[in-house]
């Protein structure tokens, strides 16, 4: 019945299109209004279903590309960090070599292989010792300023007491007027500056201090510290050479050589006994 009905509808439409084209156009428009939305819906569904594999593939491709780019950025950041570290180290080494070349009292330039940054006691270790001419008491510095003083030596290493240690005492003078002072470590990476004279020293933020040469240990005019805040007759200063960024250091001879020991008098020859009187 369905087939016959379809054939009759087809014949009717054919006769209508032949003998009454305007009526056929109206009928065709009516059926188009009904079937077009349905056909559009089926087309959208078919297109969406067909595009699912492509969309999934694109999602995973974008995700993989994103992960690759992130890894590439991380690798590049690591390379940039290493390059900056090497550049900074090379710059410090060049400055150290220049300082060694112009210093007449240089003993050896060595690497600081260890530092007690996290401790209240502030020490560092040099990879040079007695076999390289390092002696107890010798000052240690960088191009930026004084680092400390050698307190122990072994054949190839030396222990350095940093100037920021609470046991460190360095005679200094203020650069703008030459007034003497004493720089002592605080144990927290900073220094206390006190007046070394009877007169009260009025400190100002920004005052800079260098070694004075008093005591005969530290050569004069090595940068030591810069005042960052004051408290009456004591100033808090930051070291000229950052103790937390130490790499290479120059060991210098003491400013004044050790006094020559006085010669020990030789015992005088014993007098010959007098001949017996006859």
C-alpha atoms as a PDB file:
ATOM      1  CA  UNK A   1       0.000   0.000   0.000  1.00  0.00           C
ATOM      2  CA  UNK A   2       2.818   2.354   0.812  1.00  0.00           C
ATOM      3  CA  UNK A   3       4.397   1.789  -2.566  1.00  0.00           C
ATOM      4  CA  UNK A   4       1.129   2.289  -4.419  1.00  0.00           C
ATOM      5  CA  UNK A   5       0.403   5.456  -2.440  1.00  0.00           C
ATOM      6  CA  UNK A   6       3.811   6.795  -3.295  1.00  0.00           C
ATOM      7  CA  UNK A   7       3.293   6.041  -6.967  1.00  0.00           C
ATOM      8  CA  UNK A   8      -0.098   7.795  -6.986  1.00  0.00           C
ATOM      9  CA  UNK A   9       1.407  10.873  -5.288  1.00  0.00           C
ATOM     10  CA  UNK A  10       4.215  10.876  -7.844  1.00  0.00           C
ATOM     11  CA  UNK A  11       1.755  10.629 -10.769  1.00  0.00           C
ATOM     12  CA  UNK A  12      -0.373  13.432  -9.287  1.00  0.00           C
ATOM     13  CA  UNK A  13       2.645  15.686  -8.898  1.00  0.00           C
ATOM     14  CA  UNK A  14       3.763  14.896 -12.453  1.00  0.00           C
ATOM     15  CA  UNK A  15       0.329  15.782 -13.890  1.00  0.00           C
ATOM     16  CA  UNK A  16       0.213  18.896 -11.706  1.00  0.00           C
ATOM     17  CA  UNK A  17       3.630  20.068 -12.894  1.00  0.00           C
ATOM     18  CA  UNK A  18       2.539  19.475 -16.506  1.00  0.00           C
ATOM     19  CA  UNK A  19      -0.905  21.058 -16.546  1.00  0.00           C
ATOM     20  CA  UNK A  20      -0.667  23.565 -13.662  1.00  0.00           C
ATOM     21  CA  UNK A  21       2.922  24.663 -13.060  1.00  0.00           C
ATOM     22  CA  UNK A  22       1.996  27.495 -10.600  1.00  0.00           C
ATOM     23  CA  UNK A  23       0.141  25.070  -8.342  1.00  0.00           C
ATOM     24  CA  UNK A  24       3.066  22.629  -8.532  1.00  0.00           C
ATOM     25  CA  UNK A  25       5.502  25.392  -7.462  1.00  0.00           C
ATOM     26  CA  UNK A  26       3.283  26.144  -4.449  1.00  0.00           C
ATOM     27  CA  UNK A  27       3.190  22.493  -3.453  1.00  0.00           C
ATOM     28  CA  UNK A  28       6.950  22.156  -3.938  1.00  0.00           C
ATOM     29  CA  UNK A  29       7.567  25.233  -1.753  1.00  0.00           C
ATOM     30  CA  UNK A  30       5.329  23.784   0.972  1.00  0.00           C
ATOM     31  CA  UNK A  31       7.249  20.527   1.064  1.00  0.00           C
ATOM     32  CA  UNK A  32      10.580  22.431   0.965  1.00  0.00           C
ATOM     33  CA  UNK A  33       9.592  24.376   4.090  1.00  0.00           C
ATOM     34  CA  UNK A  34       8.932  21.083   5.857  1.00  0.00           C
ATOM     35  CA  UNK A  35      11.932  19.093   4.694  1.00  0.00           C
ATOM     36  CA  UNK A  36      14.654  21.765   4.733  1.00  0.00           C
ATOM     37  CA  UNK A  37      14.969  22.079   8.574  1.00  0.00           C
ATOM     38  CA  UNK A  38      14.982  18.310   8.898  1.00  0.00           C
ATOM     39  CA  UNK A  39      17.632  17.971   6.221  1.00  0.00           C
ATOM     40  CA  UNK A  40      19.666  20.728   7.850  1.00  0.00           C
ATOM     41  CA  UNK A  41      19.491  18.953  11.193  1.00  0.00           C
ATOM     42  CA  UNK A  42      20.665  15.681   9.697  1.00  0.00           C
ATOM     43  CA  UNK A  43      23.466  17.490   7.899  1.00  0.00           C
ATOM     44  CA  UNK A  44      24.630  19.139  11.144  1.00  0.00           C
ATOM     45  CA  UNK A  45      24.539  15.832  12.998  1.00  0.00           C
ATOM     46  CA  UNK A  46      26.452  14.075  10.214  1.00  0.00           C
ATOM     47  CA  UNK A  47      29.078  16.837  10.073  1.00  0.00           C
ATOM     48  CA  UNK A  48      29.472  16.899  13.861  1.00  0.00           C
ATOM     49  CA  UNK A  49      29.820  13.142  14.137  1.00  0.00           C
ATOM     50  CA  UNK A  50      32.292  13.086  11.263  1.00  0.00           C
ATOM     51  CA  UNK A  51      34.320  15.868  12.922  1.00  0.00           C
ATOM     52  CA  UNK A  52      34.624  14.156  16.331  1.00  0.00           C
ATOM     53  CA  UNK A  53      37.753  12.120  15.482  1.00  0.00           C
ATOM     54  CA  UNK A  54      39.382  15.185  13.935  1.00  0.00           C
ATOM     55  CA  UNK A  55      38.525  17.312  16.988  1.00  0.00           C
ATOM     56  CA  UNK A  56      39.890  14.731  19.386  1.00  0.00           C
ATOM     57  CA  UNK A  57      43.043  14.426  17.335  1.00  0.00           C
ATOM     58  CA  UNK A  58      43.449  18.199  17.215  1.00  0.00           C
ATOM     59  CA  UNK A  59      42.968  18.430  21.005  1.00  0.00           C
ATOM     60  CA  UNK A  60      45.711  15.920  21.717  1.00  0.00           C
ATOM     61  CA  UNK A  61      47.999  17.502  19.143  1.00  0.00           C
ATOM     62  CA  UNK A  62      47.551  20.946  20.716  1.00  0.00           C
ATOM     63  CA  UNK A  63      48.064  19.509  24.180  1.00  0.00           C
ATOM     64  CA  UNK A  64      51.238  17.731  23.096  1.00  0.00           C
ATOM     65  CA  UNK A  65      52.528  20.854  21.364  1.00  0.00           C
ATOM     66  CA  UNK A  66      51.789  22.898  24.472  1.00  0.00           C
ATOM     67  CA  UNK A  67      53.728  20.444  26.637  1.00  0.00           C
ATOM     68  CA  UNK A  68      56.635  20.494  24.190  1.00  0.00           C
ATOM     69  CA  UNK A  69      56.736  24.302  24.184  1.00  0.00           C
ATOM     70  CA  UNK A  70      56.649  24.415  27.984  1.00  0.00           C
ATOM     71  CA  UNK A  71      59.561  21.985  28.193  1.00  0.00           C
ATOM     72  CA  UNK A  72      61.470  23.987  25.603  1.00  0.00           C
ATOM     73  CA  UNK A  73      60.910  27.197  27.584  1.00  0.00           C
ATOM     74  CA  UNK A  74      62.071  25.495  30.796  1.00  0.00           C
ATOM     75  CA  UNK A  75      65.205  24.159  29.066  1.00  0.00           C
ATOM     76  CA  UNK A  76      65.936  27.594  27.620  1.00  0.00           C
ATOM     77  CA  UNK A  77      65.480  29.224  31.031  1.00  0.00           C
ATOM     78  CA  UNK A  78      67.932  26.716  32.512  1.00  0.00           C
ATOM     79  CA  UNK A  79      70.470  27.446  29.785  1.00  0.00           C
ATOM     80  CA  UNK A  80      70.059  31.197  30.274  1.00  0.00           C
ATOM     81  CA  UNK A  81      70.566  30.801  34.029  1.00  0.00           C
ATOM     82  CA  UNK A  82      73.736  28.774  33.501  1.00  0.00           C
ATOM     83  CA  UNK A  83      75.025  31.293  30.982  1.00  0.00           C
ATOM     84  CA  UNK A  84      74.425  34.159  33.402  1.00  0.00           C
ATOM     85  CA  UNK A  85      76.188  32.279  36.195  1.00  0.00           C
ATOM     86  CA  UNK A  86      79.191  31.537  33.985  1.00  0.00           C
ATOM     87  CA  UNK A  87      79.282  35.130  32.766  1.00  0.00           C
ATOM     88  CA  UNK A  88      79.236  36.446  36.334  1.00  0.00           C
ATOM     89  CA  UNK A  89      81.907  33.988  37.401  1.00  0.00           C
ATOM     90  CA  UNK A  90      84.104  34.901  34.434  1.00  0.00           C
ATOM     91  CA  UNK A  91      83.684  38.611  35.202  1.00  0.00           C
ATOM     92  CA  UNK A  92      84.704  38.084  38.825  1.00  0.00           C
ATOM     93  CA  UNK A  93      87.668  35.998  37.739  1.00  0.00           C
ATOM     94  CA  UNK A  94      88.809  38.668  35.265  1.00  0.00           C
ATOM     95  CA  UNK A  95      88.534  41.305  37.990  1.00  0.00           C
ATOM     96  CA  UNK A  96      90.480  39.065  40.340  1.00  0.00           C
ATOM     97  CA  UNK A  97      93.251  38.541  37.795  1.00  0.00           C
ATOM     98  CA  UNK A  98      93.481  42.301  37.225  1.00  0.00           C
ATOM     99  CA  UNK A  99      93.697  42.859  40.970  1.00  0.00           C
ATOM    100  CA  UNK A 100      96.413  40.231  41.289  1.00  0.00           C
ATOM    101  CA  UNK A 101      98.399  41.801  38.471  1.00  0.00           C
ATOM    102  CA  UNK A 102      98.367  45.276  40.031  1.00  0.00           C
ATOM    103  CA  UNK A 103      98.922  44.104  43.629  1.00  0.00           C
ATOM    104  CA  UNK A 104     102.508  44.027  44.777  1.00  0.00           C
ATOM    105  CA  UNK A 105     101.684  41.955  47.868  1.00  0.00           C
ATOM    106  CA  UNK A 106      99.547  39.240  46.255  1.00  0.00           C
ATOM    107  CA  UNK A 107     100.218  35.729  47.526  1.00  0.00           C
ATOM    108  CA  UNK A 108      97.755  33.596  45.551  1.00  0.00           C
ATOM    109  CA  UNK A 109      94.336  33.809  43.904  1.00  0.00           C
ATOM    110  CA  UNK A 110      92.169  30.866  44.932  1.00  0.00           C
ATOM    111  CA  UNK A 111      88.606  29.637  44.843  1.00  0.00           C
ATOM    112  CA  UNK A 112      86.371  29.778  47.892  1.00  0.00           C
ATOM    113  CA  UNK A 113      85.055  26.219  47.918  1.00  0.00           C
ATOM    114  CA  UNK A 114      82.880  26.421  51.018  1.00  0.00           C
ATOM    115  CA  UNK A 115      81.198  29.054  53.146  1.00  0.00           C
ATOM    116  CA  UNK A 116      79.129  28.835  56.350  1.00  0.00           C
ATOM    117  CA  UNK A 117      76.370  31.106  55.043  1.00  0.00           C
ATOM    118  CA  UNK A 118      73.607  29.670  57.233  1.00  0.00           C
ATOM    119  CA  UNK A 119      75.615  29.643  60.468  1.00  0.00           C
ATOM    120  CA  UNK A 120      75.999  32.380  63.065  1.00  0.00           C
ATOM    121  CA  UNK A 121      79.746  31.832  62.755  1.00  0.00           C
ATOM    122  CA  UNK A 122      80.967  32.954  59.385  1.00  0.00           C
ATOM    123  CA  UNK A 123      83.884  31.068  57.853  1.00  0.00           C
ATOM    124  CA  UNK A 124      85.031  30.221  54.350  1.00  0.00           C
ATOM    125  CA  UNK A 125      87.500  27.690  52.950  1.00  0.00           C
ATOM    126  CA  UNK A 126      90.096  28.440  50.271  1.00  0.00           C
ATOM    127  CA  UNK A 127      91.510  25.756  47.978  1.00  0.00           C
ATOM    128  CA  UNK A 128      95.031  27.040  48.617  1.00  0.00           C
ATOM    129  CA  UNK A 129      97.171  26.598  51.706  1.00  0.00           C
ATOM    130  CA  UNK A 130     100.673  26.448  53.061  1.00  0.00           C
ATOM    131  CA  UNK A 131     102.155  24.909  49.917  1.00  0.00           C
ATOM    132  CA  UNK A 132     100.913  27.947  47.963  1.00  0.00           C
ATOM    133  CA  UNK A 133     102.400  30.423  50.450  1.00  0.00           C
ATOM    134  CA  UNK A 134      99.267  31.071  52.514  1.00  0.00           C
ATOM    135  CA  UNK A 135      99.959  31.874  56.171  1.00  0.00           C
ATOM    136  CA  UNK A 136      97.868  32.489  59.249  1.00  0.00           C
ATOM    137  CA  UNK A 137      96.959  36.162  59.642  1.00  0.00           C
ATOM    138  CA  UNK A 138      97.043  37.091  55.968  1.00  0.00           C
ATOM    139  CA  UNK A 139      94.124  39.212  54.689  1.00  0.00           C
ATOM    140  CA  UNK A 140      91.763  37.859  52.027  1.00  0.00           C
ATOM    141  CA  UNK A 141      89.875  40.109  49.628  1.00  0.00           C
ATOM    142  CA  UNK A 142      87.930  40.396  46.406  1.00  0.00           C
ATOM    143  CA  UNK A 143      87.986  43.278  43.919  1.00  0.00           C
ATOM    144  CA  UNK A 144      84.892  44.697  45.671  1.00  0.00           C
ATOM    145  CA  UNK A 145      86.461  44.719  49.110  1.00  0.00           C
ATOM    146  CA  UNK A 146      87.817  42.877  52.139  1.00  0.00           C
ATOM    147  CA  UNK A 147      86.525  39.373  52.868  1.00  0.00           C
ATOM    148  CA  UNK A 148      88.379  38.275  55.969  1.00  0.00           C
ATOM    149  CA  UNK A 149      91.575  36.883  57.410  1.00  0.00           C
ATOM    150  CA  UNK A 150      93.277  33.490  57.319  1.00  0.00           C
ATOM    151  CA  UNK A 151      93.066  31.756  60.704  1.00  0.00           C
ATOM    152  CA  UNK A 152      94.097  28.171  59.836  1.00  0.00           C
ATOM    153  CA  UNK A 153      96.147  26.557  57.080  1.00  0.00           C
ATOM    154  CA  UNK A 154      96.829  23.071  55.782  1.00  0.00           C
ATOM    155  CA  UNK A 155      98.984  22.115  52.805  1.00  0.00           C
ATOM    156  CA  UNK A 156      96.287  22.890  50.202  1.00  0.00           C
ATOM    157  CA  UNK A 157      93.469  24.611  52.085  1.00  0.00           C
ATOM    158  CA  UNK A 158      93.000  27.579  54.372  1.00  0.00           C
ATOM    159  CA  UNK A 159      90.212  28.612  56.705  1.00  0.00           C
ATOM    160  CA  UNK A 160      89.123  32.235  56.511  1.00  0.00           C
ATOM    161  CA  UNK A 161      87.338  34.183  59.242  1.00  0.00           C
ATOM    162  CA  UNK A 162      84.907  36.443  57.376  1.00  0.00           C
ATOM    163  CA  UNK A 163      84.644  40.081  58.442  1.00  0.00           C
ATOM    164  CA  UNK A 164      80.930  39.587  59.176  1.00  0.00           C
ATOM    165  CA  UNK A 165      81.739  37.045  61.900  1.00  0.00           C
ATOM    166  CA  UNK A 166      81.194  38.256  65.464  1.00  0.00           C
ATOM    167  CA  UNK A 167      84.863  37.591  66.286  1.00  0.00           C
ATOM    168  CA  UNK A 168      86.197  39.720  63.430  1.00  0.00           C
ATOM    169  CA  UNK A 169      87.702  43.140  64.193  1.00  0.00           C
ATOM    170  CA  UNK A 170      89.037  45.376  61.407  1.00  0.00           C
ATOM    171  CA  UNK A 171      90.548  48.853  61.901  1.00  0.00           C
ATOM    172  CA  UNK A 172      88.959  51.219  59.356  1.00  0.00           C
ATOM    173  CA  UNK A 173      88.764  54.882  58.463  1.00  0.00           C
ATOM    174  CA  UNK A 174      85.981  56.927  56.927  1.00  0.00           C
ATOM    175  CA  UNK A 175      86.817  57.939  53.381  1.00  0.00           C
ATOM    176  CA  UNK A 176      85.370  61.463  53.473  1.00  0.00           C
ATOM    177  CA  UNK A 177      87.385  62.715  56.445  1.00  0.00           C
ATOM    178  CA  UNK A 178      89.775  59.941  57.521  1.00  0.00           C
ATOM    179  CA  UNK A 179      88.283  59.515  61.009  1.00  0.00           C
ATOM    180  CA  UNK A 180      89.309  56.129  62.454  1.00  0.00           C
ATOM    181  CA  UNK A 181      86.828  53.459  63.390  1.00  0.00           C
ATOM    182  CA  UNK A 182      86.488  49.793  64.242  1.00  0.00           C
ATOM    183  CA  UNK A 183      84.406  47.409  62.119  1.00  0.00           C
ATOM    184  CA  UNK A 184      83.145  44.326  63.930  1.00  0.00           C
ATOM    185  CA  UNK A 185      80.970  41.537  62.571  1.00  0.00           C
ATOM    186  CA  UNK A 186      77.404  41.027  63.760  1.00  0.00           C
ATOM    187  CA  UNK A 187      76.998  37.403  62.655  1.00  0.00           C
ATOM    188  CA  UNK A 188      74.008  38.297  60.465  1.00  0.00           C
ATOM    189  CA  UNK A 189      75.844  39.405  57.333  1.00  0.00           C
ATOM    190  CA  UNK A 190      76.275  43.026  58.486  1.00  0.00           C
ATOM    191  CA  UNK A 191      78.878  45.038  60.391  1.00  0.00           C
ATOM    192  CA  UNK A 192      78.895  47.432  63.325  1.00  0.00           C
ATOM    193  CA  UNK A 193      81.066  50.537  62.942  1.00  0.00           C
ATOM    194  CA  UNK A 194      82.269  52.296  66.088  1.00  0.00           C
ATOM    195  CA  UNK A 195      84.518  55.267  66.617  1.00  0.00           C
ATOM    196  CA  UNK A 196      88.134  54.415  67.444  1.00  0.00           C
ATOM    197  CA  UNK A 197      88.933  57.872  68.823  1.00  0.00           C
ATOM    198  CA  UNK A 198      87.912  59.782  71.922  1.00  0.00           C
ATOM    199  CA  UNK A 199      85.771  62.141  69.835  1.00  0.00           C
ATOM    200  CA  UNK A 200      82.235  60.989  69.074  1.00  0.00           C
ATOM    201  CA  UNK A 201      81.844  60.059  65.420  1.00  0.00           C
ATOM    202  CA  UNK A 202      78.584  61.159  63.832  1.00  0.00           C
ATOM    203  CA  UNK A 203      77.670  58.572  61.238  1.00  0.00           C
ATOM    204  CA  UNK A 204      75.526  59.193  58.189  1.00  0.00           C
ATOM    205  CA  UNK A 205      73.890  56.662  55.868  1.00  0.00           C
ATOM    206  CA  UNK A 206      76.107  56.248  52.839  1.00  0.00           C
ATOM    207  CA  UNK A 207      79.393  56.739  54.727  1.00  0.00           C
ATOM    208  CA  UNK A 208      82.021  54.393  53.314  1.00  0.00           C
ATOM    209  CA  UNK A 209      84.914  52.869  55.208  1.00  0.00           C
ATOM    210  CA  UNK A 210      88.213  51.357  54.087  1.00  0.00           C
ATOM    211  CA  UNK A 211      90.995  49.630  55.937  1.00  0.00           C
ATOM    212  CA  UNK A 212      93.277  52.040  57.775  1.00  0.00           C
ATOM    213  CA  UNK A 213      96.402  49.894  57.988  1.00  0.00           C
ATOM    214  CA  UNK A 214      96.462  50.206  61.767  1.00  0.00           C
ATOM    215  CA  UNK A 215      97.721  47.039  63.412  1.00  0.00           C
ATOM    216  CA  UNK A 216      99.871  46.019  60.475  1.00  0.00           C
ATOM    217  CA  UNK A 217      97.587  43.202  59.263  1.00  0.00           C
ATOM    218  CA  UNK A 218      95.267  44.654  56.616  1.00  0.00           C
ATOM    219  CA  UNK A 219      96.805  46.863  53.913  1.00  0.00           C
ATOM    220  CA  UNK A 220      95.233  50.341  53.840  1.00  0.00           C
ATOM    221  CA  UNK A 221      92.495  51.517  51.472  1.00  0.00           C
ATOM    222  CA  UNK A 222      90.719  48.194  50.926  1.00  0.00           C
ATOM    223  CA  UNK A 223      86.924  48.827  50.799  1.00  0.00           C
ATOM    224  CA  UNK A 224      85.214  47.379  53.862  1.00  0.00           C
ATOM    225  CA  UNK A 225      81.662  48.650  54.355  1.00  0.00           C
ATOM    226  CA  UNK A 226      78.964  51.240  53.666  1.00  0.00           C
ATOM    227  CA  UNK A 227      76.642  52.562  56.386  1.00  0.00           C
ATOM    228  CA  UNK A 228      72.966  51.743  55.866  1.00  0.00           C
ATOM    229  CA  UNK A 229      71.546  53.011  59.179  1.00  0.00           C
ATOM    230  CA  UNK A 230      72.782  54.706  62.340  1.00  0.00           C
ATOM    231  CA  UNK A 231      72.061  54.393  66.051  1.00  0.00           C
ATOM    232  CA  UNK A 232      73.784  57.128  68.072  1.00  0.00           C
ATOM    233  CA  UNK A 233      77.499  56.220  68.238  1.00  0.00           C
ATOM    234  CA  UNK A 234      77.137  52.912  66.342  1.00  0.00           C
ATOM    235  CA  UNK A 235      76.439  52.521  62.648  1.00  0.00           C
ATOM    236  CA  UNK A 236      75.155  49.395  60.937  1.00  0.00           C
ATOM    237  CA  UNK A 237      76.895  48.804  57.614  1.00  0.00           C
ATOM    238  CA  UNK A 238      76.794  46.303  54.793  1.00  0.00           C
ATOM    239  CA  UNK A 239      80.095  44.796  53.611  1.00  0.00           C
ATOM    240  CA  UNK A 240      81.534  46.039  50.340  1.00  0.00           C
ATOM    241  CA  UNK A 241      82.111  42.437  49.231  1.00  0.00           C
ATOM    242  CA  UNK A 242      78.940  40.364  49.510  1.00  0.00           C
ATOM    243  CA  UNK A 243      79.799  37.355  51.725  1.00  0.00           C
ATOM    244  CA  UNK A 244      76.922  35.339  50.248  1.00  0.00           C
ATOM    245  CA  UNK A 245      78.264  35.550  46.681  1.00  0.00           C
ATOM    246  CA  UNK A 246      81.891  34.555  47.137  1.00  0.00           C
ATOM    247  CA  UNK A 247      83.675  32.624  44.406  1.00  0.00           C
ATOM    248  CA  UNK A 248      87.311  33.685  43.978  1.00  0.00           C
ATOM    249  CA  UNK A 249      89.516  35.528  46.447  1.00  0.00           C
ATOM    250  CA  UNK A 250      92.994  37.000  46.605  1.00  0.00           C
ATOM    251  CA  UNK A 251      95.255  36.297  49.549  1.00  0.00           C
ATOM    252  CA  UNK A 252      97.620  39.183  50.323  1.00  0.00           C
ATOM    253  CA  UNK A 253     100.677  39.427  52.492  1.00  0.00           C
ATOM    254  CA  UNK A 254     100.219  41.201  55.807  1.00  0.00           C
ATOM    255  CA  UNK A 255     100.712  44.958  55.603  1.00  0.00           C
ATOM    256  CA  UNK A 256     103.688  44.963  57.942  1.00  0.00           C
ATOM    257  CA  UNK A 257     105.971  41.933  57.998  1.00  0.00           C
ATOM    258  CA  UNK A 258     106.416  40.011  61.196  1.00  0.00           C
ATOM    259  CA  UNK A 259     109.204  41.485  63.281  1.00  0.00           C
ATOM    260  CA  UNK A 260     112.506  39.743  62.899  1.00  0.00           C
ATOM    261  CA  UNK A 261     113.223  37.842  66.080  1.00  0.00           C
ATOM    262  CA  UNK A 262     116.151  39.172  68.023  1.00  0.00           C
ATOM    263  CA  UNK A 263     119.219  36.996  67.687  1.00  0.00           C
ATOM    264  CA  UNK A 264     119.888  34.765  70.621  1.00  0.00           C
ATOM    265  CA  UNK A 265     123.246  35.675  72.176  1.00  0.00           C
ATOM    266  CA  UNK A 266     125.769  32.930  71.917  1.00  0.00           C
ATOM    267  CA  UNK A 267     127.228  31.745  75.160  1.00  0.00           C
ATOM    268  CA  UNK A 268     130.714  33.174  75.663  1.00  0.00           C
ATOM    269  CA  UNK A 269     133.586  30.801  75.745  1.00  0.00           C
ATOM    270  CA  UNK A 270     134.476  29.845  79.266  1.00  0.00           C
ATOM    271  CA  UNK A 271     137.591  31.431  80.559  1.00  0.00           C
ATOM    272  CA  UNK A 272     140.578  29.174  80.820  1.00  0.00           C
ATOM    273  CA  UNK A 273     141.433  28.370  84.377  1.00  0.00           C
ATOM    274  CA  UNK A 274     144.484  30.206  85.628  1.00  0.00           C
ATOM    275  CA  UNK A 275     147.594  28.241  85.761  1.00  0.00           C
ATOM    276  CA  UNK A 276     148.409  26.991  89.174  1.00  0.00           C
ATOM    277  CA  UNK A 277     150.773  29.159  90.995  1.00  0.00           C
ATOM    278  CA  UNK A 278     153.930  27.444  91.638  1.00  0.00           C
END
